[in-house]
Amino acid sequence: MDLKEVVAVNLRRIRHTKNMTQEELADAAGLSMRYVGAIERADVSASVTVLGQIAEALMIEPAELVRANRPKR
C-alpha cells in the first residue's frame, strides 16, 4: 500500500470514529469537501501543511494519518 492509500484509509477511519462528515471535516480544516474526498479516495497526495490542518481539525497527531498498520507477527 502506498502512502496515499495509508493516509486515505486512516483519514476515513478516524473521521468515522469521530462521527464527522467530510463536509464537517473540510469546514474545520479550511479545505473544500471535494479535496477531502479526493484525499480519502487516494486520488491526490496531501501536502504536509494540509495533513497538519486535517490533524488539527480531527484533534490528533499528524503521525496518526501516515502510520501504516502492519500485521502483528
PDB file of N, CA and C in Angstrom:
ATOM      1  N   MET A   1       0.858  -1.180   0.000  1.00  0.00           N
ATOM      2  CA  MET A   1       0.000   0.000   0.000  1.00  0.00           C
ATOM      3  C   MET A   1       0.901   1.240   0.000  1.00  0.00           C
ATOM      4  N   ASP A   2       0.651   2.166  -0.910  1.00  0.00           N
ATOM      5  CA  ASP A   2       1.466   3.379  -0.927  1.00  0.00           C
ATOM      6  C   ASP A   2       0.948   4.382   0.106  1.00  0.00           C
ATOM      7  N   LEU A   3       1.718   5.413   0.348  1.00  0.00           N
ATOM      8  CA  LEU A   3       1.410   6.360   1.414  1.00  0.00           C
ATOM      9  C   LEU A   3       0.084   7.080   1.199  1.00  0.00           C
ATOM     10  N   LYS A   4      -0.270   7.359  -0.068  1.00  0.00           N
ATOM     11  CA  LYS A   4      -1.578   7.984  -0.326  1.00  0.00           C
ATOM     12  C   LYS A   4      -2.703   7.093   0.176  1.00  0.00           C
ATOM     13  N   GLU A   5      -2.576   5.793  -0.052  1.00  0.00           N
ATOM     14  CA  GLU A   5      -3.612   4.853   0.394  1.00  0.00           C
ATOM     15  C   GLU A   5      -3.632   4.728   1.910  1.00  0.00           C
ATOM     16  N   VAL A   6      -2.466   4.750   2.548  1.00  0.00           N
ATOM     17  CA  VAL A   6      -2.388   4.703   4.009  1.00  0.00           C
ATOM     18  C   VAL A   6      -3.119   5.908   4.597  1.00  0.00           C
ATOM     19  N   VAL A   7      -2.832   7.095   4.064  1.00  0.00           N
ATOM     20  CA  VAL A   7      -3.493   8.313   4.538  1.00  0.00           C
ATOM     21  C   VAL A   7      -4.997   8.211   4.302  1.00  0.00           C
ATOM     22  N   ALA A   8      -5.397   7.739   3.144  1.00  0.00           N
ATOM     23  CA  ALA A   8      -6.821   7.626   2.821  1.00  0.00           C
ATOM     24  C   ALA A   8      -7.547   6.722   3.813  1.00  0.00           C
ATOM     25  N   VAL A   9      -6.985   5.548   4.075  1.00  0.00           N
ATOM     26  CA  VAL A   9      -7.605   4.595   4.996  1.00  0.00           C
ATOM     27  C   VAL A   9      -7.668   5.174   6.406  1.00  0.00           C
ATOM     28  N   ASN A  10      -6.552   5.746   6.865  1.00  0.00           N
ATOM     29  CA  ASN A  10      -6.516   6.306   8.218  1.00  0.00           C
ATOM     30  C   ASN A  10      -7.466   7.485   8.365  1.00  0.00           C
ATOM     31  N   LEU A  11      -7.490   8.370   7.384  1.00  0.00           N
ATOM     32  CA  LEU A  11      -8.355   9.535   7.451  1.00  0.00           C
ATOM     33  C   LEU A  11      -9.821   9.114   7.528  1.00  0.00           C
ATOM     34  N   ARG A  12     -10.218   8.213   6.664  1.00  0.00           N
ATOM     35  CA  ARG A  12     -11.607   7.754   6.660  1.00  0.00           C
ATOM     36  C   ARG A  12     -11.979   7.105   8.002  1.00  0.00           C
ATOM     37  N   ARG A  13     -11.078   6.244   8.496  1.00  0.00           N
ATOM     38  CA  ARG A  13     -11.332   5.540   9.767  1.00  0.00           C
ATOM     39  C   ARG A  13     -11.448   6.534  10.934  1.00  0.00           C
ATOM     40  N   ILE A  14     -10.510   7.450  11.026  1.00  0.00           N
ATOM     41  CA  ILE A  14     -10.519   8.411  12.127  1.00  0.00           C
ATOM     42  C   ILE A  14     -11.725   9.330  12.032  1.00  0.00           C
ATOM     43  N   ARG A  15     -12.037   9.791  10.826  1.00  0.00           N
ATOM     44  CA  ARG A  15     -13.189  10.686  10.650  1.00  0.00           C
ATOM     45  C   ARG A  15     -14.477   9.975  11.061  1.00  0.00           C
ATOM     46  N   HIS A  16     -14.625   8.718  10.672  1.00  0.00           N
ATOM     47  CA  HIS A  16     -15.821   7.956  11.052  1.00  0.00           C
ATOM     48  C   HIS A  16     -15.878   7.749  12.560  1.00  0.00           C
ATOM     49  N   THR A  17     -14.720   7.454  13.169  1.00  0.00           N
ATOM     50  CA  THR A  17     -14.654   7.262  14.620  1.00  0.00           C
ATOM     51  C   THR A  17     -15.124   8.511  15.352  1.00  0.00           C
ATOM     52  N   LYS A  18     -14.833   9.663  14.796  1.00  0.00           N
ATOM     53  CA  LYS A  18     -15.221  10.931  15.418  1.00  0.00           C
ATOM     54  C   LYS A  18     -16.596  11.404  14.949  1.00  0.00           C
ATOM     55  N   ASN A  19     -17.288  10.556  14.199  1.00  0.00           N
ATOM     56  CA  ASN A  19     -18.635  10.867  13.702  1.00  0.00           C
ATOM     57  C   ASN A  19     -18.701  12.208  12.977  1.00  0.00           C
ATOM     58  N   MET A  20     -17.729  12.420  12.102  1.00  0.00           N
ATOM     59  CA  MET A  20     -17.697  13.656  11.307  1.00  0.00           C
ATOM     60  C   MET A  20     -17.986  13.324   9.851  1.00  0.00           C
ATOM     61  N   THR A  21     -18.696  14.210   9.206  1.00  0.00           N
ATOM     62  CA  THR A  21     -18.885  14.085   7.766  1.00  0.00           C
ATOM     63  C   THR A  21     -17.678  14.706   7.069  1.00  0.00           C
ATOM     64  N   GLN A  22     -17.543  14.419   5.784  1.00  0.00           N
ATOM     65  CA  GLN A  22     -16.484  15.070   5.014  1.00  0.00           C
ATOM     66  C   GLN A  22     -16.672  16.579   5.036  1.00  0.00           C
ATOM     67  N   GLU A  23     -17.910  17.014   4.976  1.00  0.00           N
ATOM     68  CA  GLU A  23     -18.198  18.451   4.980  1.00  0.00           C
ATOM     69  C   GLU A  23     -17.772  19.093   6.299  1.00  0.00           C
ATOM     70  N   GLU A  24     -18.077  18.440   7.406  1.00  0.00           N
ATOM     71  CA  GLU A  24     -17.681  18.974   8.713  1.00  0.00           C
ATOM     72  C   GLU A  24     -16.165  19.042   8.840  1.00  0.00           C
ATOM     73  N   LEU A  25     -15.490  17.996   8.392  1.00  0.00           N
ATOM     74  CA  LEU A  25     -14.033  17.993   8.449  1.00  0.00           C
ATOM     75  C   LEU A  25     -13.460  19.084   7.556  1.00  0.00           C
ATOM     76  N   ALA A  26     -13.982  19.190   6.358  1.00  0.00           N
ATOM     77  CA  ALA A  26     -13.494  20.212   5.429  1.00  0.00           C
ATOM     78  C   ALA A  26     -13.658  21.605   6.026  1.00  0.00           C
ATOM     79  N   ASP A  27     -14.808  21.888   6.615  1.00  0.00           N
ATOM     80  CA  ASP A  27     -15.043  23.192   7.240  1.00  0.00           C
ATOM     81  C   ASP A  27     -14.052  23.445   8.371  1.00  0.00           C
ATOM     82  N   ALA A  28     -13.865  22.446   9.231  1.00  0.00           N
ATOM     83  CA  ALA A  28     -12.975  22.594  10.380  1.00  0.00           C
ATOM     84  C   ALA A  28     -11.514  22.760   9.955  1.00  0.00           C
ATOM     85  N   ALA A  29     -11.144  22.147   8.838  1.00  0.00           N
ATOM     86  CA  ALA A  29      -9.761  22.202   8.365  1.00  0.00           C
ATOM     87  C   ALA A  29      -9.513  23.345   7.387  1.00  0.00           C
ATOM     88  N   GLY A  30     -10.555  24.032   6.966  1.00  0.00           N
ATOM     89  CA  GLY A  30     -10.402  25.118   5.999  1.00  0.00           C
ATOM     90  C   GLY A  30     -10.109  24.616   4.602  1.00  0.00           C
ATOM     91  N   LEU A  31     -10.678  23.468   4.261  1.00  0.00           N
ATOM     92  CA  LEU A  31     -10.477  22.854   2.949  1.00  0.00           C
ATOM     93  C   LEU A  31     -11.815  22.665   2.253  1.00  0.00           C
ATOM     94  N   SER A  32     -11.775  22.348   0.981  1.00  0.00           N
ATOM     95  CA  SER A  32     -13.013  22.048   0.275  1.00  0.00           C
ATOM     96  C   SER A  32     -13.403  20.591   0.530  1.00  0.00           C
ATOM     97  N   MET A  33     -14.687  20.324   0.511  1.00  0.00           N
ATOM     98  CA  MET A  33     -15.180  18.971   0.690  1.00  0.00           C
ATOM     99  C   MET A  33     -14.683  18.068  -0.442  1.00  0.00           C
ATOM    100  N   ARG A  34     -14.592  18.598  -1.632  1.00  0.00           N
ATOM    101  CA  ARG A  34     -14.097  17.808  -2.775  1.00  0.00           C
ATOM    102  C   ARG A  34     -12.654  17.361  -2.550  1.00  0.00           C
ATOM    103  N   TYR A  35     -11.850  18.258  -1.976  1.00  0.00           N
ATOM    104  CA  TYR A  35     -10.448  17.933  -1.719  1.00  0.00           C
ATOM    105  C   TYR A  35     -10.332  16.865  -0.638  1.00  0.00           C
ATOM    106  N   VAL A  36     -11.111  16.976   0.419  1.00  0.00           N
ATOM    107  CA  VAL A  36     -11.114  15.957   1.472  1.00  0.00           C
ATOM    108  C   VAL A  36     -11.529  14.610   0.872  1.00  0.00           C
ATOM    109  N   GLY A  37     -12.549  14.612   0.036  1.00  0.00           N
ATOM    110  CA  GLY A  37     -12.984  13.380  -0.620  1.00  0.00           C
ATOM    111  C   GLY A  37     -11.895  12.792  -1.499  1.00  0.00           C
ATOM    112  N   ALA A  38     -11.177  13.647  -2.212  1.00  0.00           N
ATOM    113  CA  ALA A  38     -10.097  13.177  -3.085  1.00  0.00           C
ATOM    114  C   ALA A  38      -8.962  12.560  -2.271  1.00  0.00           C
ATOM    115  N   ILE A  39      -8.688  13.123  -1.100  1.00  0.00           N
ATOM    116  CA  ILE A  39      -7.659  12.550  -0.223  1.00  0.00           C
ATOM    117  C   ILE A  39      -8.123  11.187   0.265  1.00  0.00           C
ATOM    118  N   GLU A  40      -9.379  11.084   0.673  1.00  0.00           N
ATOM    119  CA  GLU A  40      -9.915   9.816   1.166  1.00  0.00           C
ATOM    120  C   GLU A  40      -9.981   8.738   0.087  1.00  0.00           C
ATOM    121  N   ARG A  41     -10.047   9.127  -1.163  1.00  0.00           N
ATOM    122  CA  ARG A  41     -10.051   8.154  -2.268  1.00  0.00           C
ATOM    123  C   ARG A  41      -8.643   7.872  -2.775  1.00  0.00           C
ATOM    124  N   ALA A  42      -7.657   8.536  -2.176  1.00  0.00           N
ATOM    125  CA  ALA A  42      -6.253   8.422  -2.594  1.00  0.00           C
ATOM    126  C   ALA A  42      -6.058   8.915  -4.019  1.00  0.00           C
ATOM    127  N   ASP A  43      -6.869   9.868  -4.430  1.00  0.00           N
ATOM    128  CA  ASP A  43      -6.738  10.462  -5.760  1.00  0.00           C
ATOM    129  C   ASP A  43      -5.642  11.521  -5.788  1.00  0.00           C
ATOM    130  N   VAL A  44      -5.380  12.143  -4.636  1.00  0.00           N
ATOM    131  CA  VAL A  44      -4.374  13.205  -4.547  1.00  0.00           C
ATOM    132  C   VAL A  44      -3.467  12.941  -3.349  1.00  0.00           C
ATOM    133  N   SER A  45      -2.284  13.519  -3.411  1.00  0.00           N
ATOM    134  CA  SER A  45      -1.359  13.476  -2.280  1.00  0.00           C
ATOM    135  C   SER A  45      -1.483  14.798  -1.543  1.00  0.00           C
ATOM    136  N   ALA A  46      -1.833  14.722  -0.269  1.00  0.00           N
ATOM    137  CA  ALA A  46      -1.953  15.937   0.531  1.00  0.00           C
ATOM    138  C   ALA A  46      -0.566  16.395   0.974  1.00  0.00           C
ATOM    139  N   SER A  47      -0.362  17.694   0.975  1.00  0.00           N
ATOM    140  CA  SER A  47       0.903  18.245   1.458  1.00  0.00           C
ATOM    141  C   SER A  47       0.974  18.092   2.978  1.00  0.00           C
ATOM    142  N   VAL A  48       2.165  18.265   3.522  1.00  0.00           N
ATOM    143  CA  VAL A  48       2.295  18.188   4.977  1.00  0.00           C
ATOM    144  C   VAL A  48       1.510  19.305   5.647  1.00  0.00           C
ATOM    145  N   THR A  49       1.386  20.439   4.992  1.00  0.00           N
ATOM    146  CA  THR A  49       0.587  21.536   5.536  1.00  0.00           C
ATOM    147  C   THR A  49      -0.871  21.120   5.647  1.00  0.00           C
ATOM    148  N   VAL A  50      -1.392  20.504   4.602  1.00  0.00           N
ATOM    149  CA  VAL A  50      -2.788  20.050   4.608  1.00  0.00           C
ATOM    150  C   VAL A  50      -2.980  18.938   5.631  1.00  0.00           C
ATOM    151  N   LEU A  51      -2.027  18.008   5.721  1.00  0.00           N
ATOM    152  CA  LEU A  51      -2.141  16.960   6.732  1.00  0.00           C
ATOM    153  C   LEU A  51      -2.171  17.564   8.127  1.00  0.00           C
ATOM    154  N   GLY A  52      -1.410  18.616   8.342  1.00  0.00           N
ATOM    155  CA  GLY A  52      -1.425  19.316   9.627  1.00  0.00           C
ATOM    156  C   GLY A  52      -2.782  19.947   9.906  1.00  0.00           C
ATOM    157  N   GLN A  53      -3.379  20.558   8.891  1.00  0.00           N
ATOM    158  CA  GLN A  53      -4.708  21.166   9.049  1.00  0.00           C
ATOM    159  C   GLN A  53      -5.744  20.098   9.390  1.00  0.00           C
ATOM    160  N   ILE A  54      -5.672  18.976   8.701  1.00  0.00           N
ATOM    161  CA  ILE A  54      -6.618  17.885   8.933  1.00  0.00           C
ATOM    162  C   ILE A  54      -6.433  17.314  10.341  1.00  0.00           C
ATOM    163  N   ALA A  55      -5.177  17.085  10.727  1.00  0.00           N
ATOM    164  CA  ALA A  55      -4.896  16.547  12.060  1.00  0.00           C
ATOM    165  C   ALA A  55      -5.419  17.485  13.141  1.00  0.00           C
ATOM    166  N   GLU A  56      -5.211  18.764  12.960  1.00  0.00           N
ATOM    167  CA  GLU A  56      -5.701  19.744  13.934  1.00  0.00           C
ATOM    168  C   GLU A  56      -7.225  19.703  14.016  1.00  0.00           C
ATOM    169  N   ALA A  57      -7.883  19.638  12.872  1.00  0.00           N
ATOM    170  CA  ALA A  57      -9.348  19.594  12.847  1.00  0.00           C
ATOM    171  C   ALA A  57      -9.874  18.320  13.510  1.00  0.00           C
ATOM    172  N   LEU A  58      -9.122  17.215  13.388  1.00  0.00           N
ATOM    173  CA  LEU A  58      -9.529  15.946  13.997  1.00  0.00           C
ATOM    174  C   LEU A  58      -9.033  15.812  15.437  1.00  0.00           C
ATOM    175  N   MET A  59      -8.201  16.765  15.864  1.00  0.00           N
ATOM    176  CA  MET A  59      -7.607  16.758  17.206  1.00  0.00           C
ATOM    177  C   MET A  59      -6.774  15.493  17.438  1.00  0.00           C
ATOM    178  N   ILE A  60      -5.894  15.217  16.460  1.00  0.00           N
ATOM    179  CA  ILE A  60      -4.988  14.073  16.541  1.00  0.00           C
ATOM    180  C   ILE A  60      -3.583  14.543  16.189  1.00  0.00           C
ATOM    181  N   GLU A  61      -2.604  13.673  16.438  1.00  0.00           N
ATOM    182  CA  GLU A  61      -1.241  13.944  16.000  1.00  0.00           C
ATOM    183  C   GLU A  61      -1.155  13.647  14.499  1.00  0.00           C
ATOM    184  N   PRO A  62      -0.468  14.476  13.724  1.00  0.00           N
ATOM    185  CA  PRO A  62      -0.359  14.229  12.283  1.00  0.00           C
ATOM    186  C   PRO A  62       0.183  12.846  11.936  1.00  0.00           C
ATOM    187  N   ALA A  63       1.038  12.298  12.776  1.00  0.00           N
ATOM    188  CA  ALA A  63       1.616  10.978  12.508  1.00  0.00           C
ATOM    189  C   ALA A  63       0.551   9.895  12.408  1.00  0.00           C
ATOM    190  N   GLU A  64      -0.583  10.090  13.072  1.00  0.00           N
ATOM    191  CA  GLU A  64      -1.658   9.097  13.002  1.00  0.00           C
ATOM    192  C   GLU A  64      -2.200   8.941  11.587  1.00  0.00           C
ATOM    193  N   LEU A  65      -2.068   9.974  10.780  1.00  0.00           N
ATOM    194  CA  LEU A  65      -2.569   9.920   9.412  1.00  0.00           C
ATOM    195  C   LEU A  65      -1.655   9.133   8.487  1.00  0.00           C
ATOM    196  N   VAL A  66      -0.374   9.061   8.814  1.00  0.00           N
ATOM    197  CA  VAL A  66       0.575   8.399   7.923  1.00  0.00           C
ATOM    198  C   VAL A  66       1.095   7.074   8.466  1.00  0.00           C
ATOM    199  N   ARG A  67       0.653   6.699   9.651  1.00  0.00           N
ATOM    200  CA  ARG A  67       1.121   5.450  10.266  1.00  0.00           C
ATOM    201  C   ARG A  67       0.458   4.258   9.590  1.00  0.00           C
ATOM    202  N   ALA A  68       1.283   3.367   9.053  1.00  0.00           N
ATOM    203  CA  ALA A  68       0.762   2.166   8.400  1.00  0.00           C
ATOM    204  C   ALA A  68       0.485   1.100   9.452  1.00  0.00           C
ATOM    205  N   ASN A  69      -0.643   0.431   9.348  1.00  0.00           N
ATOM    206  CA  ASN A  69      -0.961  -0.677  10.241  1.00  0.00           C
ATOM    207  C   ASN A  69      -0.303  -1.922   9.682  1.00  0.00           C
ATOM    208  N   ARG A  70       0.681  -2.388  10.401  1.00  0.00           N
ATOM    209  CA  ARG A  70       1.394  -3.599   9.968  1.00  0.00           C
ATOM    210  C   ARG A  70       0.826  -4.799  10.710  1.00  0.00           C
ATOM    211  N   PRO A  71       0.677  -5.902  10.023  1.00  0.00           N
ATOM    212  CA  PRO A  71       0.162  -7.102  10.689  1.00  0.00           C
ATOM    213  C   PRO A  71       1.109  -7.552  11.803  1.00  0.00           C
ATOM    214  N   LYS A  72       0.538  -8.017  12.904  1.00  0.00           N
ATOM    215  CA  LYS A  72       1.351  -8.495  14.023  1.00  0.00           C
ATOM    216  C   LYS A  72       1.860  -9.881  13.713  1.00  0.00           C
ATOM    217  N   ARG A  73       3.075 -10.169  14.159  1.00  0.00           N
ATOM    218  CA  ARG A  73       3.690 -11.477  13.891  1.00  0.00           C
ATOM    219  C   ARG A  73       3.556 -12.379  15.072  1.00  0.00           C
TER     220      ARG A  73
END
